[in-house]
Amino acid sequence: MKSVIPILYNLVSIDANTDEADVLDQVSAVSEALLELGYEPLQLSFSEKIIDTVDVLNKIKPPLVFNLTESTAQKGRLSYVAPSILEVLNIPYTGCS
């Protein structure tokens, strides 16, 4: 059975500029790399509905999370929220904006 590796990323608004929308390209690239390495990528958007993300992570108990979040609720000053949650859940992760 393949290990599921979540790729956590911030939601992108419809009117996002190129820099903000770039995270979707990053998610695709990481997904492809994980597949090539034999993992099952799970693209998991992160929003202000934090409990939804926590529920998914608790259910799948991943060995690692690729953290690509750059904001929470489209607020860059809240970029620390996703890594903080991963710390509390004691899940190793990459990236910390």
Protein backbone atom coordinates (compact mmCIF):
# COMPACT_ATOMS: atom_id res chain seq x y z
CA MET A 1 0.00 0.00 0.00
CA LYS A 2 1.33 3.42 -0.97
CA SER A 3 1.86 6.07 1.68
CA VAL A 4 -0.43 9.06 1.25
CA ILE A 5 1.46 12.35 1.31
CA PRO A 6 -0.77 15.44 1.56
CA ILE A 7 0.23 18.55 -0.33
CA LEU A 8 -1.16 21.41 1.71
CA TYR A 9 -1.74 24.65 -0.19
CA ASN A 10 -3.71 27.84 0.25
CA LEU A 11 -6.88 28.47 -1.70
CA VAL A 12 -6.39 30.73 -4.71
CA SER A 13 -9.01 33.34 -5.52
CA ILE A 14 -10.46 33.69 -9.00
CA ASP A 15 -8.82 37.10 -9.39
CA ALA A 16 -5.42 35.97 -8.07
CA ASN A 17 -2.35 37.44 -9.72
CA THR A 18 0.24 35.22 -11.38
CA ASP A 19 2.44 35.07 -8.28
CA GLU A 20 -0.44 33.91 -6.07
CA ALA A 21 -1.73 31.38 -8.63
CA ASP A 22 1.77 29.89 -8.99
CA VAL A 23 1.08 27.66 -5.99
CA LEU A 24 -1.19 25.54 -8.20
CA ASP A 25 1.75 24.84 -10.54
CA GLN A 26 3.83 23.89 -7.50
CA VAL A 27 1.12 21.50 -6.30
CA SER A 28 1.08 19.80 -9.71
CA ALA A 29 4.87 19.49 -9.80
CA VAL A 30 5.06 18.01 -6.29
CA SER A 31 2.19 15.62 -7.09
CA GLU A 32 4.00 14.33 -10.17
CA ALA A 33 7.25 13.89 -8.26
CA LEU A 34 5.53 11.99 -5.45
CA LEU A 35 3.85 9.68 -7.96
CA GLU A 36 7.19 8.96 -9.61
CA LEU A 37 8.62 8.08 -6.20
CA GLY A 38 5.79 5.65 -5.49
CA TYR A 39 3.71 7.77 -3.11
CA GLU A 40 0.06 8.72 -3.35
CA PRO A 41 -0.25 12.52 -3.37
CA LEU A 42 -3.31 14.11 -1.80
CA GLN A 43 -3.93 17.71 -2.81
CA LEU A 44 -5.39 19.33 0.30
CA SER A 45 -6.46 22.97 0.21
CA PHE A 46 -6.08 24.96 3.41
CA SER A 47 -8.54 27.66 4.38
CA GLU A 48 -9.97 29.27 7.47
CA LYS A 49 -12.00 26.06 7.96
CA ILE A 50 -9.09 24.62 9.89
CA ILE A 51 -11.05 21.79 11.48
CA ASP A 52 -11.66 20.28 8.02
CA THR A 53 -7.92 20.04 7.41
CA VAL A 54 -7.27 18.66 10.88
CA ASP A 55 -9.96 16.00 10.38
CA VAL A 56 -8.39 14.81 7.11
CA LEU A 57 -4.90 14.74 8.57
CA ASN A 58 -6.04 12.83 11.65
CA LYS A 59 -7.87 10.33 9.46
CA ILE A 60 -5.00 9.51 7.10
CA LYS A 61 -2.12 9.95 9.60
CA PRO A 62 0.47 10.90 6.97
CA PRO A 63 4.19 10.33 7.54
CA LEU A 64 4.87 13.79 6.07
CA VAL A 65 3.05 16.83 4.68
CA PHE A 66 4.31 19.01 1.84
CA ASN A 67 3.41 22.46 3.09
CA LEU A 68 3.03 24.93 0.23
CA THR A 69 0.76 27.37 2.07
CA GLU A 70 1.64 31.03 1.76
CA SER A 71 -1.44 32.48 3.45
CA THR A 72 -4.60 31.66 5.36
CA ALA A 73 -7.91 33.20 4.30
CA GLN A 74 -5.88 35.11 1.67
CA LYS A 75 -3.94 36.92 4.40
CA GLY A 76 -0.18 36.56 4.14
CA ARG A 77 0.27 37.64 7.76
CA LEU A 78 -1.41 34.34 8.72
CA SER A 79 1.13 32.20 6.86
CA TYR A 80 2.24 30.70 10.18
CA VAL A 81 -1.12 29.00 10.84
CA ALA A 82 -0.65 25.86 8.70
CA PRO A 83 2.85 25.04 10.01
CA SER A 84 1.65 25.69 13.57
CA ILE A 85 -1.17 23.19 13.15
CA LEU A 86 1.23 20.61 11.75
CA GLU A 87 3.49 21.19 14.76
CA VAL A 88 0.59 20.68 17.18
CA LEU A 89 -0.41 17.48 15.34
CA ASN A 90 3.24 16.35 15.47
CA ILE A 91 3.36 15.75 11.71
CA PRO A 92 6.69 16.35 9.96
CA TYR A 93 6.40 18.83 7.10
CA THR A 94 8.35 20.65 4.45
CA GLY A 95 8.26 24.37 3.84
CA CYS A 96 7.44 27.13 6.22
CA SER A 97 6.48 30.46 4.66
